Amino acid sequence: MKFSYKLYHNGNDVLLAISDSDIVGKTFEEGDFFITVTEDFYGGKDCDDEKAVDLIKSSTIVNAIGNKIVNLLVKEKFIDNASVLVISGVPHVQIVTMN
């Protein structure tokens, strides 16, 4: 599978933490920024592109990291490239939907 994800529910909010499967367990650093793609936060279940799009559509908050998932977000027009933070060559983005 391409992606590893975990869903979190809090009231009316649904947070999707999703990453490329091949970067789970890795840490990326650049200057003052760093991020660790932990199994605890991003792991649990695996999915493909189609399932990822369905999960994104049903979430109010998305925390995504990795080339494949961020490219999918751009391709499906959830974000544009200006929204992407790159840490040590790895793209990371957060999406918040206001209801």
PDB file of N, CA and C in Angstrom:
ATOM      1  N   MET A   1       0.833  -1.195   0.000  1.00  0.00           N
ATOM      2  CA  MET A   1       0.000   0.000   0.000  1.00  0.00           C
ATOM      3  C   MET A   1       0.877   1.257   0.000  1.00  0.00           C
ATOM      4  N   LYS A   2       0.328   2.316  -0.527  1.00  0.00           N
ATOM      5  CA  LYS A   2       1.076   3.562  -0.648  1.00  0.00           C
ATOM      6  C   LYS A   2       1.115   4.384   0.629  1.00  0.00           C
ATOM      7  N   PHE A   3      -0.001   4.353   1.395  1.00  0.00           N
ATOM      8  CA  PHE A   3      -0.137   5.279   2.510  1.00  0.00           C
ATOM      9  C   PHE A   3      -0.448   4.568   3.819  1.00  0.00           C
ATOM     10  N   SER A   4       0.008   5.184   4.893  1.00  0.00           N
ATOM     11  CA  SER A   4      -0.296   4.730   6.244  1.00  0.00           C
ATOM     12  C   SER A   4      -1.102   5.843   6.891  1.00  0.00           C
ATOM     13  N   TYR A   5      -2.170   5.478   7.620  1.00  0.00           N
ATOM     14  CA  TYR A   5      -3.019   6.530   8.185  1.00  0.00           C
ATOM     15  C   TYR A   5      -3.637   6.102   9.512  1.00  0.00           C
ATOM     16  N   LYS A   6      -4.113   7.133  10.199  1.00  0.00           N
ATOM     17  CA  LYS A   6      -4.853   6.943  11.436  1.00  0.00           C
ATOM     18  C   LYS A   6      -5.881   8.059  11.530  1.00  0.00           C
ATOM     19  N   LEU A   7      -7.078   7.725  11.998  1.00  0.00           N
ATOM     20  CA  LEU A   7      -8.142   8.703  12.186  1.00  0.00           C
ATOM     21  C   LEU A   7      -8.334   8.997  13.664  1.00  0.00           C
ATOM     22  N   TYR A   8      -8.591  10.256  13.974  1.00  0.00           N
ATOM     23  CA  TYR A   8      -8.862  10.702  15.330  1.00  0.00           C
ATOM     24  C   TYR A   8     -10.192  11.452  15.314  1.00  0.00           C
ATOM     25  N   HIS A   9     -11.037  11.177  16.297  1.00  0.00           N
ATOM     26  CA  HIS A   9     -12.341  11.832  16.396  1.00  0.00           C
ATOM     27  C   HIS A   9     -12.396  12.652  17.677  1.00  0.00           C
ATOM     28  N   ASN A  10     -12.850  13.913  17.557  1.00  0.00           N
ATOM     29  CA  ASN A  10     -13.005  14.791  18.705  1.00  0.00           C
ATOM     30  C   ASN A  10     -14.215  15.685  18.438  1.00  0.00           C
ATOM     31  N   GLY A  11     -15.320  15.372  19.065  1.00  0.00           N
ATOM     32  CA  GLY A  11     -16.545  16.120  18.810  1.00  0.00           C
ATOM     33  C   GLY A  11     -16.948  15.964  17.357  1.00  0.00           C
ATOM     34  N   ASN A  12     -17.141  17.094  16.666  1.00  0.00           N
ATOM     35  CA  ASN A  12     -17.505  17.072  15.246  1.00  0.00           C
ATOM     36  C   ASN A  12     -16.304  16.984  14.314  1.00  0.00           C
ATOM     37  N   ASP A  13     -15.113  17.063  14.867  1.00  0.00           N
ATOM     38  CA  ASP A  13     -13.909  17.041  14.044  1.00  0.00           C
ATOM     39  C   ASP A  13     -13.383  15.631  13.832  1.00  0.00           C
ATOM     40  N   VAL A  14     -12.877  15.414  12.623  1.00  0.00           N
ATOM     41  CA  VAL A  14     -12.199  14.169  12.275  1.00  0.00           C
ATOM     42  C   VAL A  14     -10.826  14.553  11.736  1.00  0.00           C
ATOM     43  N   LEU A  15      -9.786  14.145  12.453  1.00  0.00           N
ATOM     44  CA  LEU A  15      -8.413  14.409  12.035  1.00  0.00           C
ATOM     45  C   LEU A  15      -7.875  13.176  11.336  1.00  0.00           C
ATOM     46  N   LEU A  16      -7.366  13.374  10.133  1.00  0.00           N
ATOM     47  CA  LEU A  16      -6.699  12.322   9.386  1.00  0.00           C
ATOM     48  C   LEU A  16      -5.209  12.600   9.393  1.00  0.00           C
ATOM     49  N   ALA A  17      -4.439  11.689   9.967  1.00  0.00           N
ATOM     50  CA  ALA A  17      -2.979  11.739   9.889  1.00  0.00           C
ATOM     51  C   ALA A  17      -2.584  10.700   8.844  1.00  0.00           C
ATOM     52  N   ILE A  18      -1.951  11.151   7.756  1.00  0.00           N
ATOM     53  CA  ILE A  18      -1.643  10.257   6.642  1.00  0.00           C
ATOM     54  C   ILE A  18      -0.242  10.553   6.099  1.00  0.00           C
ATOM     55  N   SER A  19       0.478   9.495   5.787  1.00  0.00           N
ATOM     56  CA  SER A  19       1.835   9.653   5.270  1.00  0.00           C
ATOM     57  C   SER A  19       2.123   8.579   4.231  1.00  0.00           C
ATOM     58  N   ASP A  20       3.171   8.804   3.466  1.00  0.00           N
ATOM     59  CA  ASP A  20       3.673   7.752   2.594  1.00  0.00           C
ATOM     60  C   ASP A  20       4.128   6.605   3.497  1.00  0.00           C
ATOM     61  N   SER A  21       3.780   5.397   3.159  1.00  0.00           N
ATOM     62  CA  SER A  21       4.118   4.239   3.999  1.00  0.00           C
ATOM     63  C   SER A  21       5.623   4.067   4.210  1.00  0.00           C
ATOM     64  N   ASP A  22       6.408   4.417   3.199  1.00  0.00           N
ATOM     65  CA  ASP A  22       7.850   4.165   3.279  1.00  0.00           C
ATOM     66  C   ASP A  22       8.623   5.160   4.148  1.00  0.00           C
ATOM     67  N   ILE A  23       7.940   6.167   4.716  1.00  0.00           N
ATOM     68  CA  ILE A  23       8.658   7.110   5.588  1.00  0.00           C
ATOM     69  C   ILE A  23       8.247   7.002   7.056  1.00  0.00           C
ATOM     70  N   VAL A  24       7.334   6.094   7.373  1.00  0.00           N
ATOM     71  CA  VAL A  24       6.932   5.910   8.772  1.00  0.00           C
ATOM     72  C   VAL A  24       8.158   5.452   9.569  1.00  0.00           C
ATOM     73  N   GLY A  25       8.359   6.112  10.706  1.00  0.00           N
ATOM     74  CA  GLY A  25       9.499   5.799  11.558  1.00  0.00           C
ATOM     75  C   GLY A  25      10.715   6.680  11.308  1.00  0.00           C
ATOM     76  N   LYS A  26      10.653   7.559  10.341  1.00  0.00           N
ATOM     77  CA  LYS A  26      11.791   8.417   9.999  1.00  0.00           C
ATOM     78  C   LYS A  26      11.591   9.827  10.544  1.00  0.00           C
ATOM     79  N   THR A  27      12.710  10.510  10.768  1.00  0.00           N
ATOM     80  CA  THR A  27      12.713  11.902  11.219  1.00  0.00           C
ATOM     81  C   THR A  27      13.376  12.749  10.146  1.00  0.00           C
ATOM     82  N   PHE A  28      12.799  13.913   9.892  1.00  0.00           N
ATOM     83  CA  PHE A  28      13.332  14.842   8.894  1.00  0.00           C
ATOM     84  C   PHE A  28      13.598  16.178   9.580  1.00  0.00           C
ATOM     85  N   GLU A  29      14.786  16.740   9.322  1.00  0.00           N
ATOM     86  CA  GLU A  29      15.195  17.995   9.956  1.00  0.00           C
ATOM     87  C   GLU A  29      15.725  18.954   8.917  1.00  0.00           C
ATOM     88  N   GLU A  30      15.414  20.239   9.125  1.00  0.00           N
ATOM     89  CA  GLU A  30      15.980  21.294   8.298  1.00  0.00           C
ATOM     90  C   GLU A  30      15.922  22.589   9.093  1.00  0.00           C
ATOM     91  N   GLY A  31      17.065  23.105   9.435  1.00  0.00           N
ATOM     92  CA  GLY A  31      17.120  24.325  10.246  1.00  0.00           C
ATOM     93  C   GLY A  31      16.409  24.115  11.566  1.00  0.00           C
ATOM     94  N   ASP A  32      15.466  25.000  11.868  1.00  0.00           N
ATOM     95  CA  ASP A  32      14.705  24.910  13.112  1.00  0.00           C
ATOM     96  C   ASP A  32      13.522  23.948  13.027  1.00  0.00           C
ATOM     97  N   PHE A  33      13.258  23.418  11.845  1.00  0.00           N
ATOM     98  CA  PHE A  33      12.113  22.526  11.656  1.00  0.00           C
ATOM     99  C   PHE A  33      12.526  21.070  11.707  1.00  0.00           C
ATOM    100  N   PHE A  34      11.688  20.266  12.348  1.00  0.00           N
ATOM    101  CA  PHE A  34      11.875  18.819  12.272  1.00  0.00           C
ATOM    102  C   PHE A  34      10.523  18.155  12.478  1.00  0.00           C
ATOM    103  N   ILE A  35      10.402  16.978  11.910  1.00  0.00           N
ATOM    104  CA  ILE A  35       9.182  16.202  12.090  1.00  0.00           C
ATOM    105  C   ILE A  35       9.558  14.733  12.109  1.00  0.00           C
ATOM    106  N   THR A  36       8.949  14.009  13.035  1.00  0.00           N
ATOM    107  CA  THR A  36       9.116  12.568  13.106  1.00  0.00           C
ATOM    108  C   THR A  36       7.804  11.925  12.704  1.00  0.00           C
ATOM    109  N   VAL A  37       7.857  11.060  11.733  1.00  0.00           N
ATOM    110  CA  VAL A  37       6.666  10.382  11.215  1.00  0.00           C
ATOM    111  C   VAL A  37       6.502   9.096  12.022  1.00  0.00           C
ATOM    112  N   THR A  38       5.843   9.212  13.165  1.00  0.00           N
ATOM    113  CA  THR A  38       5.749   8.077  14.082  1.00  0.00           C
ATOM    114  C   THR A  38       4.614   7.131  13.712  1.00  0.00           C
ATOM    115  N   GLU A  39       4.826   5.870  14.022  1.00  0.00           N
ATOM    116  CA  GLU A  39       3.794   4.848  13.832  1.00  0.00           C
ATOM    117  C   GLU A  39       2.585   5.167  14.711  1.00  0.00           C
ATOM    118  N   ASP A  40       2.846   5.684  15.928  1.00  0.00           N
ATOM    119  CA  ASP A  40       1.747   6.016  16.844  1.00  0.00           C
ATOM    120  C   ASP A  40       0.779   7.032  16.245  1.00  0.00           C
ATOM    121  N   PHE A  41       1.304   8.063  15.577  1.00  0.00           N
ATOM    122  CA  PHE A  41       0.442   9.120  15.053  1.00  0.00           C
ATOM    123  C   PHE A  41      -0.069   8.818  13.648  1.00  0.00           C
ATOM    124  N   TYR A  42       0.804   8.367  12.758  1.00  0.00           N
ATOM    125  CA  TYR A  42       0.445   8.174  11.355  1.00  0.00           C
ATOM    126  C   TYR A  42       0.082   6.738  10.999  1.00  0.00           C
ATOM    127  N   GLY A  43       0.326   5.811  11.889  1.00  0.00           N
ATOM    128  CA  GLY A  43       0.176   4.409  11.526  1.00  0.00           C
ATOM    129  C   GLY A  43      -1.121   3.784  11.958  1.00  0.00           C
ATOM    130  N   GLY A  44      -1.225   2.525  11.661  1.00  0.00           N
ATOM    131  CA  GLY A  44      -2.397   1.779  12.069  1.00  0.00           C
ATOM    132  C   GLY A  44      -3.040   1.056  10.909  1.00  0.00           C
ATOM    133  N   LYS A  45      -3.318   1.807   9.838  1.00  0.00           N
ATOM    134  CA  LYS A  45      -3.985   1.217   8.687  1.00  0.00           C
ATOM    135  C   LYS A  45      -3.268   1.660   7.405  1.00  0.00           C
ATOM    136  N   ASP A  46      -3.439   0.867   6.355  1.00  0.00           N
ATOM    137  CA  ASP A  46      -2.858   1.180   5.056  1.00  0.00           C
ATOM    138  C   ASP A  46      -3.968   1.428   4.047  1.00  0.00           C
ATOM    139  N   CYS A  47      -3.666   2.246   3.038  1.00  0.00           N
ATOM    140  CA  CYS A  47      -4.652   2.500   1.990  1.00  0.00           C
ATOM    141  C   CYS A  47      -3.979   2.860   0.681  1.00  0.00           C
ATOM    142  N   ASP A  48      -4.794   2.859  -0.373  1.00  0.00           N
ATOM    143  CA  ASP A  48      -4.342   3.269  -1.696  1.00  0.00           C
ATOM    144  C   ASP A  48      -4.889   4.674  -1.999  1.00  0.00           C
ATOM    145  N   ASP A  49      -4.655   5.144  -3.222  1.00  0.00           N
ATOM    146  CA  ASP A  49      -5.090   6.493  -3.613  1.00  0.00           C
ATOM    147  C   ASP A  49      -6.592   6.705  -3.436  1.00  0.00           C
ATOM    148  N   GLU A  50      -7.382   5.774  -3.909  1.00  0.00           N
ATOM    149  CA  GLU A  50      -8.837   5.927  -3.862  1.00  0.00           C
ATOM    150  C   GLU A  50      -9.350   6.049  -2.429  1.00  0.00           C
ATOM    151  N   LYS A  51      -8.883   5.191  -1.549  1.00  0.00           N
ATOM    152  CA  LYS A  51      -9.282   5.238  -0.143  1.00  0.00           C
ATOM    153  C   LYS A  51      -8.780   6.529   0.497  1.00  0.00           C
ATOM    154  N   ALA A  52      -7.558   6.958   0.152  1.00  0.00           N
ATOM    155  CA  ALA A  52      -7.008   8.197   0.704  1.00  0.00           C
ATOM    156  C   ALA A  52      -7.902   9.387   0.349  1.00  0.00           C
ATOM    157  N   VAL A  53      -8.351   9.464  -0.889  1.00  0.00           N
ATOM    158  CA  VAL A  53      -9.229  10.566  -1.311  1.00  0.00           C
ATOM    159  C   VAL A  53     -10.534  10.532  -0.521  1.00  0.00           C
ATOM    160  N   ASP A  54     -11.107   9.354  -0.342  1.00  0.00           N
ATOM    161  CA  ASP A  54     -12.340   9.237   0.450  1.00  0.00           C
ATOM    162  C   ASP A  54     -12.117   9.698   1.889  1.00  0.00           C
ATOM    163  N   LEU A  55     -10.993   9.306   2.484  1.00  0.00           N
ATOM    164  CA  LEU A  55     -10.671   9.706   3.856  1.00  0.00           C
ATOM    165  C   LEU A  55     -10.499  11.214   3.966  1.00  0.00           C
ATOM    166  N   ILE A  56      -9.824  11.818   3.000  1.00  0.00           N
ATOM    167  CA  ILE A  56      -9.595  13.260   2.999  1.00  0.00           C
ATOM    168  C   ILE A  56     -10.920  14.007   2.910  1.00  0.00           C
ATOM    169  N   LYS A  57     -11.801  13.548   2.030  1.00  0.00           N
ATOM    170  CA  LYS A  57     -13.106  14.193   1.854  1.00  0.00           C
ATOM    171  C   LYS A  57     -13.956  14.134   3.115  1.00  0.00           C
ATOM    172  N   SER A  58     -13.774  13.100   3.926  1.00  0.00           N
ATOM    173  CA  SER A  58     -14.601  12.939   5.127  1.00  0.00           C
ATOM    174  C   SER A  58     -13.934  13.480   6.392  1.00  0.00           C
ATOM    175  N   SER A  59     -12.775  14.115   6.257  1.00  0.00           N
ATOM    176  CA  SER A  59     -12.052  14.654   7.415  1.00  0.00           C
ATOM    177  C   SER A  59     -12.176  16.169   7.472  1.00  0.00           C
ATOM    178  N   THR A  60     -12.162  16.709   8.681  1.00  0.00           N
ATOM    179  CA  THR A  60     -12.185  18.163   8.840  1.00  0.00           C
ATOM    180  C   THR A  60     -10.772  18.728   8.983  1.00  0.00           C
ATOM    181  N   ILE A  61      -9.823  17.874   9.381  1.00  0.00           N
ATOM    182  CA  ILE A  61      -8.419  18.265   9.526  1.00  0.00           C
ATOM    183  C   ILE A  61      -7.579  17.155   8.903  1.00  0.00           C
ATOM    184  N   VAL A  62      -6.595  17.556   8.102  1.00  0.00           N
ATOM    185  CA  VAL A  62      -5.695  16.581   7.489  1.00  0.00           C
ATOM    186  C   VAL A  62      -4.267  17.003   7.785  1.00  0.00           C
ATOM    187  N   ASN A  63      -3.476  16.063   8.271  1.00  0.00           N
ATOM    188  CA  ASN A  63      -2.044  16.257   8.496  1.00  0.00           C
ATOM    189  C   ASN A  63      -1.366  15.232   7.602  1.00  0.00           C
ATOM    190  N   ALA A  64      -0.699  15.700   6.539  1.00  0.00           N
ATOM    191  CA  ALA A  64      -0.138  14.794   5.535  1.00  0.00           C
ATOM    192  C   ALA A  64       1.342  15.066   5.323  1.00  0.00           C
ATOM    193  N   ILE A  65       2.114  13.982   5.161  1.00  0.00           N
ATOM    194  CA  ILE A  65       3.538  14.121   4.894  1.00  0.00           C
ATOM    195  C   ILE A  65       3.995  13.034   3.928  1.00  0.00           C
ATOM    196  N   GLY A  66       4.814  13.457   2.988  1.00  0.00           N
ATOM    197  CA  GLY A  66       5.400  12.532   2.021  1.00  0.00           C
ATOM    198  C   GLY A  66       5.130  12.980   0.599  1.00  0.00           C
ATOM    199  N   ASN A  67       6.015  12.623  -0.300  1.00  0.00           N
ATOM    200  CA  ASN A  67       5.889  13.027  -1.703  1.00  0.00           C
ATOM    201  C   ASN A  67       4.619  12.501  -2.347  1.00  0.00           C
ATOM    202  N   LYS A  68       4.308  11.228  -2.139  1.00  0.00           N
ATOM    203  CA  LYS A  68       3.159  10.624  -2.819  1.00  0.00           C
ATOM    204  C   LYS A  68       1.837  11.221  -2.346  1.00  0.00           C
ATOM    205  N   ILE A  69       1.656  11.349  -1.029  1.00  0.00           N
ATOM    206  CA  ILE A  69       0.381  11.866  -0.516  1.00  0.00           C
ATOM    207  C   ILE A  69       0.211  13.341  -0.854  1.00  0.00           C
ATOM    208  N   VAL A  70       1.261  14.131  -0.758  1.00  0.00           N
ATOM    209  CA  VAL A  70       1.139  15.558  -1.079  1.00  0.00           C
ATOM    210  C   VAL A  70       0.888  15.734  -2.579  1.00  0.00           C
ATOM    211  N   ASN A  71       1.539  14.936  -3.413  1.00  0.00           N
ATOM    212  CA  ASN A  71       1.254  15.002  -4.862  1.00  0.00           C
ATOM    213  C   ASN A  71      -0.200  14.646  -5.146  1.00  0.00           C
ATOM    214  N   LEU A  72      -0.753  13.664  -4.430  1.00  0.00           N
ATOM    215  CA  LEU A  72      -2.157  13.306  -4.592  1.00  0.00           C
ATOM    216  C   LEU A  72      -3.068  14.464  -4.173  1.00  0.00           C
ATOM    217  N   LEU A  73      -2.734  15.128  -3.075  1.00  0.00           N
ATOM    218  CA  LEU A  73      -3.514  16.281  -2.619  1.00  0.00           C
ATOM    219  C   LEU A  73      -3.526  17.397  -3.660  1.00  0.00           C
ATOM    220  N   VAL A  74      -2.387  17.638  -4.300  1.00  0.00           N
ATOM    221  CA  VAL A  74      -2.306  18.657  -5.352  1.00  0.00           C
ATOM    222  C   VAL A  74      -3.094  18.208  -6.578  1.00  0.00           C
ATOM    223  N   LYS A  75      -2.885  16.966  -6.999  1.00  0.00           N
ATOM    224  CA  LYS A  75      -3.574  16.433  -8.187  1.00  0.00           C
ATOM    225  C   LYS A  75      -5.091  16.506  -8.039  1.00  0.00           C
ATOM    226  N   GLU A  76      -5.595  16.189  -6.836  1.00  0.00           N
ATOM    227  CA  GLU A  76      -7.036  16.189  -6.589  1.00  0.00           C
ATOM    228  C   GLU A  76      -7.567  17.566  -6.192  1.00  0.00           C
ATOM    229  N   LYS A  77      -6.688  18.576  -6.206  1.00  0.00           N
ATOM    230  CA  LYS A  77      -7.033  19.978  -5.951  1.00  0.00           C
ATOM    231  C   LYS A  77      -7.532  20.262  -4.528  1.00  0.00           C
ATOM    232  N   PHE A  78      -7.025  19.476  -3.560  1.00  0.00           N
ATOM    233  CA  PHE A  78      -7.299  19.782  -2.156  1.00  0.00           C
ATOM    234  C   PHE A  78      -6.414  20.935  -1.696  1.00  0.00           C
ATOM    235  N   ILE A  79      -5.222  21.052  -2.295  1.00  0.00           N
ATOM    236  CA  ILE A  79      -4.261  22.104  -1.949  1.00  0.00           C
ATOM    237  C   ILE A  79      -3.564  22.561  -3.224  1.00  0.00           C
ATOM    238  N   ASP A  80      -2.803  23.669  -3.107  1.00  0.00           N
ATOM    239  CA  ASP A  80      -1.878  24.033  -4.177  1.00  0.00           C
ATOM    240  C   ASP A  80      -0.469  24.018  -3.599  1.00  0.00           C
ATOM    241  N   ASN A  81       0.512  24.087  -4.455  1.00  0.00           N
ATOM    242  CA  ASN A  81       1.906  23.962  -4.022  1.00  0.00           C
ATOM    243  C   ASN A  81       2.336  25.040  -3.034  1.00  0.00           C
ATOM    244  N   ALA A  82       1.674  26.192  -3.049  1.00  0.00           N
ATOM    245  CA  ALA A  82       2.030  27.283  -2.136  1.00  0.00           C
ATOM    246  C   ALA A  82       1.748  26.917  -0.680  1.00  0.00           C
ATOM    247  N   SER A  83       0.911  25.913  -0.446  1.00  0.00           N
ATOM    248  CA  SER A  83       0.541  25.497   0.905  1.00  0.00           C
ATOM    249  C   SER A  83       1.526  24.505   1.515  1.00  0.00           C
ATOM    250  N   VAL A  84       2.492  24.065   0.761  1.00  0.00           N
ATOM    251  CA  VAL A  84       3.361  22.963   1.171  1.00  0.00           C
ATOM    252  C   VAL A  84       4.616  23.479   1.866  1.00  0.00           C
ATOM    253  N   LEU A  85       4.906  22.908   3.027  1.00  0.00           N
ATOM    254  CA  LEU A  85       6.153  23.145   3.747  1.00  0.00           C
ATOM    255  C   LEU A  85       7.065  21.968   3.448  1.00  0.00           C
ATOM    256  N   VAL A  86       8.276  22.241   3.016  1.00  0.00           N
ATOM    257  CA  VAL A  86       9.219  21.168   2.705  1.00  0.00           C
ATOM    258  C   VAL A  86      10.289  21.129   3.782  1.00  0.00           C
ATOM    259  N   ILE A  87      10.436  19.965   4.399  1.00  0.00           N
ATOM    260  CA  ILE A  87      11.427  19.762   5.451  1.00  0.00           C
ATOM    261  C   ILE A  87      12.383  18.675   4.978  1.00  0.00           C
ATOM    262  N   SER A  88      13.631  19.065   4.749  1.00  0.00           N
ATOM    263  CA  SER A  88      14.651  18.120   4.294  1.00  0.00           C
ATOM    264  C   SER A  88      14.201  17.353   3.048  1.00  0.00           C
ATOM    265  N   GLY A  89      13.561  18.083   2.130  1.00  0.00           N
ATOM    266  CA  GLY A  89      13.132  17.494   0.872  1.00  0.00           C
ATOM    267  C   GLY A  89      11.811  16.748   0.922  1.00  0.00           C
ATOM    268  N   VAL A  90      11.186  16.682   2.103  1.00  0.00           N
ATOM    269  CA  VAL A  90       9.936  15.939   2.259  1.00  0.00           C
ATOM    270  C   VAL A  90       8.789  16.931   2.473  1.00  0.00           C
ATOM    271  N   PRO A  91       7.770  16.899   1.604  1.00  0.00           N
ATOM    272  CA  PRO A  91       6.656  17.837   1.730  1.00  0.00           C
ATOM    273  C   PRO A  91       5.700  17.465   2.869  1.00  0.00           C
ATOM    274  N   HIS A  92       5.217  18.498   3.551  1.00  0.00           N
ATOM    275  CA  HIS A  92       4.275  18.341   4.658  1.00  0.00           C
ATOM    276  C   HIS A  92       3.211  19.411   4.512  1.00  0.00           C
ATOM    277  N   VAL A  93       1.960  19.044   4.782  1.00  0.00           N
ATOM    278  CA  VAL A  93       0.877  20.003   4.669  1.00  0.00           C
ATOM    279  C   VAL A  93      -0.194  19.696   5.708  1.00  0.00           C
ATOM    280  N   GLN A  94      -0.878  20.749   6.137  1.00  0.00           N
ATOM    281  CA  GLN A  94      -2.019  20.608   7.019  1.00  0.00           C
ATOM    282  C   GLN A  94      -3.205  21.315   6.379  1.00  0.00           C
ATOM    283  N   ILE A  95      -4.363  20.668   6.447  1.00  0.00           N
ATOM    284  CA  ILE A  95      -5.588  21.245   5.890  1.00  0.00           C
ATOM    285  C   ILE A  95      -6.614  21.308   7.016  1.00  0.00           C
ATOM    286  N   VAL A  96      -7.256  22.452   7.149  1.00  0.00           N
ATOM    287  CA  VAL A  96      -8.334  22.614   8.130  1.00  0.00           C
ATOM    288  C   VAL A  96      -9.557  23.116   7.376  1.00  0.00           C
ATOM    289  N   THR A  97     -10.654  22.391   7.515  1.00  0.00           N
ATOM    290  CA  THR A  97     -11.901  22.777   6.884  1.00  0.00           C
ATOM    291  C   THR A  97     -12.776  23.476   7.907  1.00  0.00           C
ATOM    292  N   MET A  98     -13.219  24.659   7.562  1.00  0.00           N
ATOM    293  CA  MET A  98     -14.079  25.421   8.471  1.00  0.00           C
ATOM    294  C   MET A  98     -15.525  25.188   8.065  1.00  0.00           C
ATOM    295  N   ASN A  99     -16.333  24.761   9.013  1.00  0.00           N
ATOM    296  CA  ASN A  99     -17.759  24.537   8.743  1.00  0.00           C
ATOM    297  C   ASN A  99     -18.589  25.699   9.231  1.00  0.00           C
TER     298      ASN A  99
END
